[in-house]
Amino acid sequence: MEPLITLTDSPNELFLDRLTSLLKQFNEAAAGLPYDGRRLAILVTHPESQETLGGLWGSTSYSYLHVDAVFVPESLRGLGLGRRLMLKAENEAVNRRCSGSWLDTFSFQARGFYEKLGYRVFGELCHNPPGHTRVFLKKSLSSSAQSPNR
């Protein structure tokens, strides 16, 4: 049998569900552990309108927190909000029995911010996007994670 190969920029949900299921089955067999992925979101909202102003989005799996996105609006920067979001996510990851965290950021974003929080570079993609670098950072987590209110 020769399989059909189709390129698309708009796959349907059934395809995505099936592909994820197949990869999950393979990973569980290879790792010898069940996939324990859970989403993690920390919302920053306006206290009156409930409008989303920013927040943190990530997930935990295989004893690691992966931070996908963090955004703090310029009007709220410099107040420790980003630090509180990260510490809250890290504390939740420890509660979920995670031993580490990883993320990526662009050279024009927040590398210094993450390094101040104890993250260390473990990889880079140069010219991604062109003229900039994508930086990958990681951090070991412990059960004595700091308070997210500090």
Protein backbone atom coordinates (compact mmCIF):
# COMPACT_ATOMS: atom_id res chain seq x y z
CA MET A 1 0.00 0.00 0.00
CA GLU A 2 1.27 3.46 -0.89
CA PRO A 3 -0.17 6.00 1.61
CA LEU A 4 -1.52 9.35 0.45
CA ILE A 5 0.39 12.37 1.71
CA THR A 6 -1.56 15.63 1.89
CA LEU A 7 -0.28 19.08 2.89
CA THR A 8 -2.80 21.44 4.49
CA ASP A 9 -2.78 24.56 6.63
CA SER A 10 -6.22 23.80 8.03
CA PRO A 11 -6.38 20.25 9.43
CA ASN A 12 -9.68 19.16 10.93
CA GLU A 13 -10.10 18.31 14.62
CA LEU A 14 -10.45 14.60 13.90
CA PHE A 15 -7.00 14.53 12.32
CA LEU A 16 -5.46 16.42 15.26
CA ASP A 17 -7.17 14.14 17.80
CA ARG A 18 -6.05 11.00 15.97
CA LEU A 19 -2.46 12.18 15.52
CA THR A 20 -2.24 13.17 19.18
CA SER A 21 -3.68 9.80 20.22
CA LEU A 22 -1.18 7.87 18.09
CA LEU A 23 1.77 9.88 19.41
CA LYS A 24 0.54 9.53 22.99
CA GLN A 25 0.31 5.73 22.62
CA PHE A 26 3.83 5.58 21.17
CA ASN A 27 5.27 7.84 23.89
CA GLU A 28 3.62 5.90 26.72
CA ALA A 29 5.00 2.62 25.37
CA ALA A 30 8.50 4.05 24.89
CA ALA A 31 8.62 5.96 28.20
CA GLY A 32 6.98 3.19 30.18
CA LEU A 33 4.78 5.81 31.83
CA PRO A 34 1.26 6.97 31.16
CA TYR A 35 0.94 10.47 29.77
CA ASP A 36 -0.05 12.71 32.66
CA GLY A 37 -0.46 16.00 30.80
CA ARG A 38 -2.56 18.72 32.39
CA ARG A 39 -3.14 22.27 31.23
CA LEU A 40 -2.20 25.17 33.46
CA ALA A 41 -3.53 28.69 33.05
CA ILE A 42 -3.22 31.75 35.25
CA LEU A 43 -5.48 34.58 34.18
CA VAL A 44 -4.91 38.29 34.75
CA THR A 45 -8.24 40.06 34.39
CA HIS A 46 -9.65 43.51 35.00
CA PRO A 47 -11.39 43.42 38.39
CA GLU A 48 -14.58 45.07 37.13
CA SER A 49 -15.00 44.13 33.48
CA GLN A 50 -13.32 40.69 33.73
CA GLU A 51 -11.51 41.55 30.47
CA THR A 52 -8.41 39.43 29.94
CA LEU A 53 -5.34 41.63 30.35
CA GLY A 54 -2.66 38.95 30.31
CA GLY A 55 -1.60 35.81 32.06
CA LEU A 56 0.32 32.57 31.76
CA TRP A 57 -0.46 29.46 29.71
CA GLY A 58 1.33 26.15 29.99
CA SER A 59 1.05 22.49 30.85
CA THR A 60 2.64 19.83 32.99
CA SER A 61 3.64 16.37 31.85
CA TYR A 62 6.29 13.76 32.59
CA SER A 63 7.34 15.71 35.74
CA TYR A 64 8.01 19.00 33.91
CA LEU A 65 6.21 22.31 33.61
CA HIS A 66 6.27 23.78 30.11
CA VAL A 67 5.44 27.48 29.96
CA ASP A 68 3.97 28.20 26.53
CA ALA A 69 3.11 31.88 26.91
CA VAL A 70 3.36 34.70 29.43
CA PHE A 71 2.04 38.18 28.84
CA VAL A 72 1.89 41.19 31.14
CA PRO A 73 0.59 44.43 29.60
CA GLU A 74 3.03 47.34 29.59
CA SER A 75 0.83 49.29 32.01
CA LEU A 76 1.32 46.54 34.63
CA ARG A 77 5.03 45.82 34.07
CA GLY A 78 7.56 46.58 36.78
CA LEU A 79 5.11 45.72 39.57
CA GLY A 80 6.24 42.12 40.10
CA LEU A 81 3.21 40.65 38.33
CA GLY A 82 5.25 38.54 35.90
CA ARG A 83 7.29 37.14 38.78
CA ARG A 84 4.11 36.31 40.69
CA LEU A 85 2.66 34.52 37.65
CA MET A 86 5.81 32.44 37.20
CA LEU A 87 6.09 31.54 40.88
CA LYS A 88 2.40 30.61 41.01
CA ALA A 89 2.88 28.31 37.99
CA GLU A 90 6.05 26.80 39.48
CA ASN A 91 4.33 26.17 42.83
CA GLU A 92 1.45 24.44 41.06
CA ALA A 93 3.97 22.38 39.09
CA VAL A 94 5.61 21.28 42.35
CA ASN A 95 2.15 20.37 43.68
CA ARG A 96 1.78 18.24 40.54
CA ARG A 97 5.11 16.56 41.41
CA CYS A 98 7.16 18.28 38.72
CA SER A 99 10.91 18.48 39.17
CA GLY A 100 11.64 21.10 36.53
CA SER A 101 10.35 23.77 34.18
CA TRP A 102 11.25 24.82 30.66
CA LEU A 103 10.23 27.51 28.19
CA ASP A 104 11.42 29.44 25.19
CA THR A 105 11.55 33.15 24.53
CA PHE A 106 12.81 35.41 21.77
CA SER A 107 15.88 37.60 22.19
CA PHE A 108 13.61 40.68 22.03
CA GLN A 109 11.35 39.35 24.79
CA ALA A 110 12.21 38.38 28.37
CA ARG A 111 15.40 36.31 28.58
CA GLY A 112 16.80 38.47 31.40
CA PHE A 113 13.53 38.23 33.33
CA TYR A 114 13.61 34.43 33.25
CA GLU A 115 17.30 34.31 34.15
CA LYS A 116 16.58 36.47 37.23
CA LEU A 117 14.06 33.80 38.24
CA GLY A 118 16.75 31.10 38.07
CA TYR A 119 16.28 29.82 34.53
CA ARG A 120 19.39 28.81 32.58
CA VAL A 121 19.87 28.64 28.81
CA PHE A 122 20.09 25.14 27.35
CA GLY A 123 19.70 25.92 23.67
CA GLU A 124 19.30 28.59 21.01
CA LEU A 125 17.95 28.84 17.47
CA CYS A 126 19.69 31.67 15.67
CA HIS A 127 17.81 33.73 13.09
CA ASN A 128 14.44 32.66 14.47
CA PRO A 129 12.82 35.01 13.60
CA PRO A 130 15.35 36.53 11.17
CA GLY A 131 17.64 38.95 12.98
CA HIS A 132 16.79 37.48 16.37
CA THR A 133 17.32 34.33 18.42
CA ARG A 134 14.90 31.92 20.08
CA VAL A 135 16.31 30.99 23.48
CA PHE A 136 15.38 27.82 25.41
CA LEU A 137 15.64 27.96 29.19
CA LYS A 138 15.14 25.48 32.03
CA LYS A 139 14.97 25.51 35.80
CA SER A 140 14.99 22.86 38.49
CA LEU A 141 12.02 23.06 40.82
CA SER A 142 11.92 22.01 44.44
CA SER A 143 9.19 21.45 46.99
CA SER A 144 10.45 24.61 48.71
CA ALA A 145 9.29 26.85 45.85
CA GLN A 146 8.87 30.50 46.81
CA SER A 147 5.57 32.11 47.62
CA PRO A 148 3.84 33.53 44.51
CA ASN A 149 2.80 36.58 46.55
CA ARG A 150 6.35 37.81 47.09
